[in-house]
Amino acid sequence: MKKRFLNFFLVFVSAVFLLTVIFVKHSSAAGLGTLSFTTPNASPSASFSVNLNLDADVAVGFVRTEFYFDPAHLALSQDITPGDLFTQVISQTSLSEANSTGHVVLVYGLPTDKVGQATSGSQLIGTLSFNIVTANNNVSTQLNFNTEGIQVVGMDETALNISVVNLPLTLNPQVVSSTSLTLSQSAPPVQNSNWDVSLSLSTTEVISGFDAVLNYDSNILQLQSITPVNIFTSTPLINTQTPGVIKFSQVANSAESFTGTQKIADIVFLSKTTQASAITIDYTPGSTTDSNVVSLSSGQDILSQTTNLNFQATVARRFIQLLVSTKAIVARQLTGTVTSINNWLAQFTTDNTGLSQELEIDSSFTEVPTDFYIKVDNYLTKKATATPSAGLTQINVGQLIGGDLNNDGTINNIDLASMYAQWFTDNSADLNNDGAVNSLDHWELITNFFKSDDV
């Protein structure tokens, strides 16, 4: 009897040991994984999306998951969208049943053409799109996994040990999103001058991109440049091919978002007339083909307000001031004329340093390089190029070329004869202004022989 009992006991112990070894071996071979929900905004105010993610340490070929949400607070707005890999939908709770019960079962597998793409690591199982159906603010709710209904199988046909991360949410459906695009100016425009305009974006909701479409009258304004102020790292998209229209967009990269107030572009126009006009932001509520600001959570256009810019340019007052020099030993005042485009002409007189009075130019001058011609008796005409801006522009003419005593535009023997006729006097041939026409003045004239006016 004792011997039979001992044999039975040994068999029992051996069986338990064998089962333990098999269990330990099986447990140590099973992969590990985590199912989780993620969302860009855990305090949504309108429509929002939630990603269902799996992070596994082995390649996975089959996923069955089960979760609950409160249908008194939330409703799925569309069927759940599978991720890029698990596209074989074996079973999925219908939209109407899910919104009625708040209970969702998803059974996804790898299609045969993607078996070779099976991988470990983090991957998107599906995307859930929700609408908030409660009317109350600060409502706490949660997306909860049912761990008993979860099964994840690796490519080796071994079930994974799965942990879960539920998603708590705070719903605020009465929070009104305020999102605006605003045009502003640093100063009123002046005719024929560059005018700086800024475009700013303000939003209380996290966004992933924007489109701004601006309209202006190209007969009144000429676009000079548009310089983006990046709120995302991606390169802005700018289209100015159509006169009178600026299209400007920027979108976030996958890990980026923006909320707050920020200037998004500096725009420079040339104001061509003094006619009243406006720069407008092309925006119609409900339209998605004009200006848009895109919510990160819902993908919807949340632009709610635009501020256009009315303007009327004033006539620019522009002045030039000449700085002129000669080879005179003794400083003296110079008197002459300055001419430019459209037969504009003015008389000027310098002080002993060569600086003239301020000369007002007319509205035909714009902020482009312009040639000015300076003529002083007994000197050749000198050309100076400058860009006249609103206010005062000083033009450094440089040193005049002396010796054109008859002011015919060329220094030659006629001028030399005139100098000889004035020898040892203090007349106009005294180029260096030392009080006597002599060999020093002769040297300057001969040095400039056969030189002519600038053209």
Protein backbone atom coordinates (compact mmCIF):
# COMPACT_ATOMS: atom_id res chain seq x y z
CA MET A 1 0.00 0.00 0.00
CA LYS A 2 2.79 2.39 0.96
CA LYS A 3 4.65 1.50 -2.22
CA ARG A 4 1.58 2.22 -4.39
CA PHE A 5 1.07 5.55 -2.63
CA LEU A 6 4.72 6.47 -3.06
CA ASN A 7 4.59 5.67 -6.79
CA PHE A 8 1.42 7.76 -7.17
CA PHE A 9 3.00 10.64 -5.29
CA LEU A 10 6.12 10.58 -7.48
CA VAL A 11 4.01 10.57 -10.66
CA PHE A 12 1.92 13.49 -9.33
CA VAL A 13 4.98 15.55 -8.41
CA SER A 14 6.57 14.86 -11.80
CA ALA A 15 3.40 15.94 -13.60
CA VAL A 16 3.16 19.16 -11.59
CA PHE A 17 6.82 19.89 -12.27
CA LEU A 18 6.39 19.25 -15.99
CA LEU A 19 3.30 21.45 -16.18
CA THR A 20 5.13 24.19 -14.27
CA VAL A 21 8.06 24.05 -16.67
CA ILE A 22 5.72 24.17 -19.65
CA PHE A 23 3.79 27.10 -18.13
CA VAL A 24 6.95 29.05 -17.29
CA LYS A 25 8.36 28.38 -20.72
CA HIS A 26 5.12 29.45 -22.37
CA SER A 27 4.86 32.59 -20.21
CA SER A 28 8.42 33.63 -20.88
CA ALA A 29 7.89 33.23 -24.62
CA ALA A 30 4.69 35.31 -24.75
CA GLY A 31 5.12 38.85 -26.10
CA LEU A 32 4.07 42.00 -24.26
CA GLY A 33 1.95 44.85 -25.53
CA THR A 34 -0.02 47.92 -24.51
CA LEU A 35 -3.28 49.19 -25.96
CA SER A 36 -3.91 52.89 -25.44
CA PHE A 37 -6.03 55.84 -26.52
CA THR A 38 -4.41 59.17 -27.46
CA THR A 39 -5.91 62.51 -28.48
CA PRO A 40 -4.39 65.95 -29.18
CA ASN A 41 -6.87 67.58 -26.79
CA ALA A 42 -8.14 65.90 -23.63
CA SER A 43 -10.56 68.82 -23.02
CA PRO A 44 -12.40 69.04 -26.35
CA SER A 45 -15.08 71.62 -27.07
CA ALA A 46 -16.51 70.21 -30.30
CA SER A 47 -15.72 67.34 -32.64
CA PHE A 48 -12.46 65.54 -31.90
CA SER A 49 -10.54 62.43 -32.86
CA VAL A 50 -8.93 59.66 -30.80
CA ASN A 51 -6.24 57.24 -31.94
CA LEU A 52 -6.32 53.60 -30.84
CA ASN A 53 -2.69 52.49 -30.57
CA LEU A 54 -0.84 49.24 -29.96
CA ASP A 55 2.74 49.08 -28.73
CA ALA A 56 4.08 45.50 -28.89
CA ASP A 57 7.51 43.92 -28.54
CA VAL A 58 6.81 41.31 -31.23
CA ALA A 59 5.32 41.43 -34.70
CA VAL A 60 1.51 41.25 -34.51
CA GLY A 61 -0.94 39.73 -36.98
CA PHE A 62 -4.32 39.84 -35.21
CA VAL A 63 -6.03 42.30 -32.84
CA ARG A 64 -9.35 42.01 -31.03
CA THR A 65 -10.16 44.90 -28.76
CA GLU A 66 -13.23 45.95 -26.83
CA PHE A 67 -13.99 49.27 -25.16
CA TYR A 68 -16.79 51.44 -23.78
CA PHE A 69 -17.77 55.12 -23.93
CA ASP A 70 -20.74 56.94 -22.41
CA PRO A 71 -23.36 57.53 -25.16
CA ALA A 72 -24.98 60.20 -22.98
CA HIS A 73 -21.87 62.32 -23.50
CA LEU A 74 -20.28 61.16 -26.74
CA ALA A 75 -21.27 59.79 -30.14
CA LEU A 76 -19.13 58.39 -32.92
CA SER A 77 -19.55 60.62 -35.99
CA GLN A 78 -18.44 57.96 -38.49
CA ASP A 79 -17.30 54.36 -38.71
CA ILE A 80 -13.93 53.72 -37.12
CA THR A 81 -11.13 54.06 -39.65
CA PRO A 82 -8.54 51.23 -39.56
CA GLY A 83 -4.84 52.12 -39.52
CA ASP A 84 -2.53 51.59 -42.47
CA LEU A 85 -1.51 48.04 -41.49
CA PHE A 86 -4.54 46.26 -39.98
CA THR A 87 -6.90 46.88 -42.86
CA GLN A 88 -8.66 43.49 -42.89
CA VAL A 89 -11.83 44.17 -40.90
CA ILE A 90 -12.97 40.79 -39.59
CA SER A 91 -15.68 42.25 -37.37
CA GLN A 92 -16.64 45.73 -36.20
CA THR A 93 -19.59 47.06 -34.20
CA SER A 94 -21.91 49.09 -36.41
CA LEU A 95 -22.09 52.85 -35.94
CA SER A 96 -25.73 52.82 -34.82
CA GLU A 97 -25.19 50.01 -32.30
CA ALA A 98 -22.05 51.65 -30.91
CA ASN A 99 -23.84 54.98 -30.36
CA SER A 100 -26.83 53.20 -28.84
CA THR A 101 -24.89 51.05 -26.36
CA GLY A 102 -21.52 52.78 -25.99
CA HIS A 103 -19.93 49.35 -26.54
CA VAL A 104 -17.46 48.75 -29.38
CA VAL A 105 -15.78 45.52 -30.50
CA LEU A 106 -13.11 45.65 -33.19
CA VAL A 107 -11.51 42.58 -34.77
CA TYR A 108 -8.76 43.44 -37.24
CA GLY A 109 -6.18 41.32 -39.02
CA LEU A 110 -3.36 41.66 -41.48
CA PRO A 111 -4.41 41.16 -45.10
CA THR A 112 -2.32 38.61 -46.97
CA ASP A 113 -0.57 41.29 -49.02
CA LYS A 114 0.74 42.96 -45.83
CA VAL A 115 1.95 39.91 -43.91
CA GLY A 116 5.51 40.79 -44.83
CA GLN A 117 5.02 44.24 -43.25
CA ALA A 118 4.15 42.90 -39.80
CA THR A 119 6.28 44.66 -37.23
CA SER A 120 6.81 45.26 -33.55
CA GLY A 121 6.75 48.67 -31.89
CA SER A 122 4.08 51.34 -31.87
CA GLN A 123 1.38 51.27 -34.54
CA LEU A 124 -2.03 52.80 -35.19
CA ILE A 125 -4.89 50.31 -34.98
CA GLY A 126 -7.67 52.75 -35.83
CA THR A 127 -8.99 56.32 -35.56
CA LEU A 128 -12.22 57.19 -33.73
CA SER A 129 -14.10 60.42 -34.55
CA PHE A 130 -16.42 61.70 -31.81
CA ASN A 131 -19.02 64.44 -31.43
CA ILE A 132 -19.90 65.83 -28.01
CA VAL A 133 -23.61 65.29 -27.34
CA THR A 134 -23.85 66.60 -23.79
CA ALA A 135 -24.80 70.26 -23.36
CA ASN A 136 -22.99 70.66 -20.05
CA ASN A 137 -19.51 71.99 -19.38
CA ASN A 138 -16.73 70.33 -17.37
CA VAL A 139 -18.19 66.86 -17.87
CA SER A 140 -15.74 64.12 -16.91
CA THR A 141 -15.95 60.92 -18.91
CA GLN A 142 -13.62 58.17 -20.06
CA LEU A 143 -12.88 55.69 -22.83
CA ASN A 144 -12.37 52.34 -21.06
CA PHE A 145 -10.98 49.09 -22.41
CA ASN A 146 -12.63 45.81 -21.44
CA THR A 147 -9.53 43.72 -20.71
CA GLU A 148 -11.51 40.47 -20.83
CA GLY A 149 -12.44 41.13 -24.44
CA ILE A 150 -8.91 41.85 -25.68
CA GLN A 151 -6.81 39.40 -27.64
CA VAL A 152 -3.64 40.23 -29.56
CA VAL A 153 -1.82 37.46 -31.42
CA GLY A 154 1.73 37.60 -32.73
CA MET A 155 2.90 36.31 -36.08
CA ASP A 156 4.15 33.20 -34.26
CA GLU A 157 0.50 32.51 -33.28
CA THR A 158 1.26 33.23 -29.62
CA ALA A 159 -1.12 35.42 -27.63
CA LEU A 160 0.47 38.56 -26.15
CA ASN A 161 0.10 39.70 -22.57
CA ILE A 162 -1.69 43.04 -22.94
CA SER A 163 -1.92 46.00 -20.58
CA VAL A 164 -4.21 48.96 -21.28
CA VAL A 165 -4.23 52.74 -20.85
CA ASN A 166 -7.71 54.26 -20.66
CA LEU A 167 -8.42 57.86 -21.69
CA PRO A 168 -10.00 60.37 -19.28
CA LEU A 169 -11.71 63.36 -20.93
CA THR A 170 -13.19 66.65 -19.77
CA LEU A 171 -15.90 67.91 -22.13
CA ASN A 172 -16.59 71.63 -22.58
CA PRO A 173 -19.09 71.92 -25.42
CA GLN A 174 -20.06 75.51 -24.60
CA VAL A 175 -16.54 76.85 -25.04
CA VAL A 176 -16.73 79.03 -28.15
CA SER A 177 -13.68 78.85 -30.36
CA SER A 178 -12.45 82.30 -31.36
CA THR A 179 -10.24 82.23 -34.43
CA SER A 180 -9.47 85.28 -36.55
CA LEU A 181 -7.29 86.65 -39.34
CA THR A 182 -6.44 90.36 -39.12
CA LEU A 183 -4.82 92.84 -41.51
CA SER A 184 -3.07 95.87 -40.00
CA GLN A 185 -0.70 98.66 -41.03
CA SER A 186 2.31 100.21 -39.31
CA ALA A 187 1.48 103.65 -40.80
CA PRO A 188 -0.93 105.02 -43.43
CA PRO A 189 0.28 104.69 -47.04
CA VAL A 190 1.91 107.50 -48.98
CA GLN A 191 1.53 107.72 -52.74
CA ASN A 192 4.44 106.26 -54.71
CA SER A 193 5.98 104.89 -51.51
CA ASN A 194 6.30 101.41 -50.08
CA TRP A 195 3.62 100.55 -47.51
CA ASP A 196 4.03 97.86 -44.83
CA VAL A 197 1.04 95.64 -44.00
CA SER A 198 0.89 92.75 -41.50
CA LEU A 199 -1.34 89.65 -41.47
CA SER A 200 -1.95 88.10 -38.02
CA LEU A 201 -3.63 84.92 -36.80
CA SER A 202 -5.31 84.51 -33.41
CA THR A 203 -6.90 81.29 -32.14
CA THR A 204 -7.99 79.82 -28.83
CA GLU A 205 -8.05 76.31 -30.30
CA VAL A 206 -5.09 74.17 -31.31
CA ILE A 207 -4.66 74.30 -35.09
CA SER A 208 -2.71 72.35 -37.69
CA GLY A 209 -2.69 74.82 -40.60
CA PHE A 210 -4.26 77.80 -42.33
CA ASP A 211 -5.08 79.23 -45.77
CA ALA A 212 -5.24 83.00 -46.23
CA VAL A 213 -6.65 84.48 -49.45
CA LEU A 214 -6.26 88.26 -49.77
CA ASN A 215 -7.79 90.51 -52.43
CA TYR A 216 -6.64 94.00 -53.42
CA ASP A 217 -7.05 96.40 -56.36
CA SER A 218 -3.95 96.04 -58.54
CA ASN A 219 -4.73 99.41 -60.16
CA ILE A 220 -4.20 101.07 -56.77
CA LEU A 221 -1.60 98.83 -55.12
CA GLN A 222 1.43 97.02 -56.52
CA LEU A 223 2.66 94.01 -54.54
CA GLN A 224 6.37 94.36 -53.76
CA SER A 225 6.98 91.37 -51.48
CA ILE A 226 5.44 88.95 -48.99
CA THR A 227 7.61 87.54 -46.19
CA PRO A 228 6.14 84.68 -44.11
CA VAL A 229 6.60 84.58 -40.34
CA ASN A 230 6.59 80.83 -39.81
CA ILE A 231 4.48 79.30 -37.04
CA PHE A 232 5.32 75.82 -38.35
CA THR A 233 8.59 74.41 -39.68
CA SER A 234 7.14 73.50 -43.07
CA THR A 235 7.79 75.80 -46.03
CA PRO A 236 4.85 78.19 -46.60
CA LEU A 237 2.98 77.98 -49.90
CA ILE A 238 2.59 81.37 -51.62
CA ASN A 239 0.80 82.14 -54.89
CA THR A 240 0.77 85.70 -56.26
CA GLN A 241 0.39 84.89 -59.96
CA THR A 242 -3.06 86.49 -60.27
CA PRO A 243 -2.89 90.32 -60.05
CA GLY A 244 -4.87 91.51 -57.05
CA VAL A 245 -4.85 88.13 -55.27
CA ILE A 246 -2.47 86.69 -52.65
CA LYS A 247 -2.85 83.05 -51.60
CA PHE A 248 -0.79 82.04 -48.59
CA SER A 249 -0.86 78.71 -46.70
CA GLN A 250 1.13 76.87 -44.07
CA VAL A 251 0.56 73.43 -42.53
CA ALA A 252 2.02 71.66 -39.52
CA ASN A 253 4.30 68.67 -39.62
CA SER A 254 3.09 65.59 -37.73
CA ALA A 255 4.35 66.66 -34.29
CA GLU A 256 3.47 70.36 -34.54
CA SER A 257 0.53 72.50 -33.51
CA PHE A 258 -0.20 76.14 -32.69
CA THR A 259 -2.49 78.15 -30.47
CA GLY A 260 -2.32 81.83 -29.53
CA THR A 261 -1.73 85.07 -31.45
CA GLN A 262 1.06 85.52 -34.00
CA LYS A 263 1.91 87.66 -37.01
CA ILE A 264 2.10 85.25 -39.96
CA ALA A 265 3.21 87.53 -42.82
CA ASP A 266 4.79 90.90 -43.62
CA ILE A 267 3.49 92.30 -46.91
CA VAL A 268 4.92 95.31 -48.76
CA PHE A 269 2.84 97.21 -51.32
CA LEU A 270 3.58 100.27 -53.46
CA SER A 271 0.68 102.70 -53.28
CA LYS A 272 0.19 103.99 -56.83
CA THR A 273 -2.69 106.46 -56.33
CA THR A 274 -4.51 108.38 -53.62
CA GLN A 275 -7.80 106.61 -54.34
CA ALA A 276 -9.57 105.05 -51.33
CA SER A 277 -9.61 101.25 -51.34
CA ALA A 278 -9.29 98.16 -49.14
CA ILE A 279 -7.35 94.93 -48.76
CA THR A 280 -9.85 92.20 -47.91
CA ILE A 281 -9.60 88.67 -46.55
CA ASP A 282 -11.64 86.34 -48.75
CA TYR A 283 -13.88 84.58 -46.22
CA THR A 284 -17.43 83.22 -46.28
CA PRO A 285 -18.71 81.33 -43.20
CA GLY A 286 -19.18 77.68 -44.10
CA SER A 287 -17.01 77.84 -47.22
CA THR A 288 -13.84 75.74 -47.37
CA THR A 289 -12.50 77.12 -50.67
CA ASP A 290 -11.39 80.54 -49.41
CA SER A 291 -9.56 81.43 -46.18
CA ASN A 292 -9.47 78.62 -43.59
CA VAL A 293 -7.97 77.83 -40.20
CA VAL A 294 -7.93 74.08 -39.51
CA SER A 295 -8.59 72.58 -36.06
CA LEU A 296 -6.07 69.91 -35.10
CA SER A 297 -8.65 67.83 -33.23
CA SER A 298 -11.50 67.88 -35.76
CA GLY A 299 -9.89 68.79 -39.08
CA GLN A 300 -12.65 71.38 -39.56
CA ASP A 301 -12.39 75.05 -40.59
CA ILE A 302 -12.77 77.08 -37.37
CA LEU A 303 -12.14 80.57 -38.79
CA SER A 304 -14.85 82.78 -37.29
CA GLN A 305 -13.77 86.39 -37.86
CA THR A 306 -11.72 88.51 -40.27
CA THR A 307 -10.59 92.14 -40.13
CA ASN A 308 -10.01 93.86 -43.47
CA LEU A 309 -7.88 96.97 -44.00
CA ASN A 310 -9.37 100.15 -45.49
CA PHE A 311 -6.91 102.80 -46.62
CA GLN A 312 -6.32 105.94 -48.66
CA ALA A 313 -2.84 107.08 -49.55
CA THR A 314 -1.75 110.65 -49.03
CA VAL A 315 0.42 112.61 -51.44
CA ALA A 316 4.07 112.15 -50.59
CA ARG A 317 6.24 115.17 -49.92
CA ARG A 318 9.75 114.37 -51.03
CA PHE A 319 12.85 116.50 -50.74
CA ILE A 320 16.40 116.12 -51.97
CA GLN A 321 19.53 117.82 -50.66
CA LEU A 322 22.76 117.95 -52.68
CA LEU A 323 26.29 117.60 -51.35
CA VAL A 324 28.68 119.02 -53.98
CA SER A 325 32.47 119.52 -53.95
CA THR A 326 35.18 120.99 -56.22
CA LYS A 327 38.99 121.21 -56.17
CA ALA A 328 38.80 124.75 -54.82
CA ILE A 329 41.57 125.60 -52.35
CA VAL A 330 39.31 128.11 -50.63
CA ALA A 331 35.77 126.93 -49.81
CA ARG A 332 32.98 128.81 -51.51
CA GLN A 333 29.27 128.70 -52.15
CA LEU A 334 28.14 127.09 -55.40
CA THR A 335 25.04 128.04 -57.36
CA GLY A 336 23.58 125.89 -60.09
CA THR A 337 20.67 123.84 -61.41
CA VAL A 338 19.55 120.25 -60.92
CA THR A 339 17.33 118.49 -63.47
CA SER A 340 15.72 115.05 -63.63
CA ILE A 341 12.83 113.07 -65.11
CA ASN A 342 9.80 114.76 -66.71
CA ASN A 343 11.78 118.01 -67.19
CA TRP A 344 11.88 118.66 -63.45
CA LEU A 345 14.33 121.51 -62.69
CA ALA A 346 15.35 123.41 -59.58
CA GLN A 347 17.89 126.08 -58.64
CA PHE A 348 20.20 125.39 -55.72
CA THR A 349 22.86 127.17 -53.70
CA THR A 350 25.28 125.44 -51.38
CA ASP A 351 26.92 126.66 -48.21
CA ASN A 352 30.70 126.68 -47.85
CA THR A 353 30.64 122.94 -47.07
CA GLY A 354 28.90 122.15 -50.37
CA LEU A 355 25.49 121.31 -48.82
CA SER A 356 22.47 122.72 -50.66
CA GLN A 357 19.09 123.76 -49.36
CA GLU A 358 16.26 121.18 -49.32
CA LEU A 359 14.59 120.95 -52.74
CA GLU A 360 11.05 119.56 -53.02
CA ILE A 361 10.41 117.14 -55.87
CA ASP A 362 6.98 116.36 -57.31
CA SER A 363 4.72 113.29 -57.25
CA SER A 364 6.16 111.91 -60.49
CA PHE A 365 9.14 110.64 -58.49
CA THR A 366 8.82 107.14 -57.04
CA GLU A 367 11.04 105.00 -54.85
CA VAL A 368 13.18 103.73 -57.71
CA PRO A 369 16.75 104.69 -58.69
CA THR A 370 16.55 108.07 -60.44
CA ASP A 371 19.19 110.12 -62.29
CA PHE A 372 19.78 113.74 -61.27
CA TYR A 373 21.98 116.11 -63.35
CA ILE A 374 23.83 118.89 -61.53
CA LYS A 375 25.22 121.89 -63.43
CA VAL A 376 27.37 124.69 -61.98
CA ASP A 377 28.88 127.39 -64.24
CA ASN A 378 32.44 126.60 -65.41
CA TYR A 379 32.02 122.92 -64.48
CA LEU A 380 30.79 119.96 -66.51
CA THR A 381 27.33 118.54 -65.75
CA LYS A 382 27.61 115.74 -63.19
CA LYS A 383 25.13 112.84 -62.97
CA ALA A 384 24.17 111.43 -59.56
CA THR A 385 21.76 108.50 -59.06
CA ALA A 386 19.59 108.21 -55.96
CA THR A 387 16.31 106.63 -54.81
CA PRO A 388 14.08 109.42 -53.49
CA SER A 389 11.92 108.30 -50.57
CA ALA A 390 9.26 110.16 -48.64
CA GLY A 391 10.87 112.88 -46.56
CA LEU A 392 14.45 113.99 -47.21
CA THR A 393 16.97 112.17 -49.40
CA GLN A 394 20.54 113.46 -49.39
CA ILE A 395 22.47 112.97 -52.65
CA ASN A 396 26.25 112.91 -52.56
CA VAL A 397 27.11 114.35 -55.97
CA GLY A 398 30.86 114.13 -55.51
CA GLN A 399 33.52 116.37 -57.06
CA LEU A 400 32.65 118.46 -60.10
CA ILE A 401 35.01 118.57 -63.10
CA GLY A 402 36.22 122.15 -63.71
CA GLY A 403 37.19 123.86 -66.97
CA ASP A 404 33.99 124.20 -69.04
CA LEU A 405 34.29 127.99 -69.05
CA ASN A 406 31.80 128.54 -71.90
CA ASN A 407 29.36 125.93 -70.49
CA ASP A 408 28.95 124.09 -73.81
CA GLY A 409 29.40 120.65 -72.25
CA THR A 410 33.00 119.98 -73.39
CA ILE A 411 36.41 121.21 -72.18
CA ASN A 412 38.59 122.17 -75.16
CA ASN A 413 40.68 124.96 -76.74
CA ILE A 414 37.80 127.42 -76.58
CA ASP A 415 37.82 127.14 -72.79
CA LEU A 416 41.63 127.37 -72.78
CA ALA A 417 41.51 130.60 -74.80
CA SER A 418 38.97 132.01 -72.34
CA MET A 419 41.32 131.18 -69.46
CA TYR A 420 44.27 132.90 -71.16
CA ALA A 421 42.10 135.99 -71.59
CA GLN A 422 41.50 136.04 -67.82
CA TRP A 423 45.11 135.36 -66.79
CA PHE A 424 46.14 137.02 -63.52
CA THR A 425 42.55 138.12 -62.80
CA ASP A 426 40.08 136.73 -60.26
CA ASN A 427 37.35 136.03 -62.82
CA SER A 428 35.40 132.82 -63.51
CA ALA A 429 38.46 130.93 -64.76
CA ASP A 430 39.78 130.94 -61.16
CA LEU A 431 38.82 127.28 -60.74
CA ASN A 432 40.58 126.76 -57.41
CA ASN A 433 39.11 129.98 -55.95
CA ASP A 434 42.44 131.28 -54.64
CA GLY A 435 41.87 134.78 -56.09
CA ALA A 436 44.02 134.54 -59.24
CA VAL A 437 43.80 132.79 -62.61
CA ASN A 438 47.22 131.22 -63.11
CA SER A 439 49.12 128.01 -63.76
CA LEU A 440 47.27 126.10 -61.03
CA ASP A 441 43.94 126.71 -62.76
CA HIS A 442 45.59 125.93 -66.11
CA TRP A 443 46.71 122.54 -64.76
CA GLU A 444 43.13 121.63 -63.75
CA LEU A 445 41.71 122.63 -67.14
CA ILE A 446 44.40 120.76 -69.11
CA THR A 447 43.93 117.68 -66.89
CA ASN A 448 40.23 117.64 -67.86
CA PHE A 449 40.82 118.40 -71.56
CA PHE A 450 38.25 116.81 -73.91
CA LYS A 451 36.04 115.64 -71.04
CA SER A 452 32.28 116.17 -71.52
CA ASP A 453 29.02 116.36 -69.57
CA ASP A 454 27.62 113.18 -68.03
CA VAL A 455 24.67 111.83 -69.95
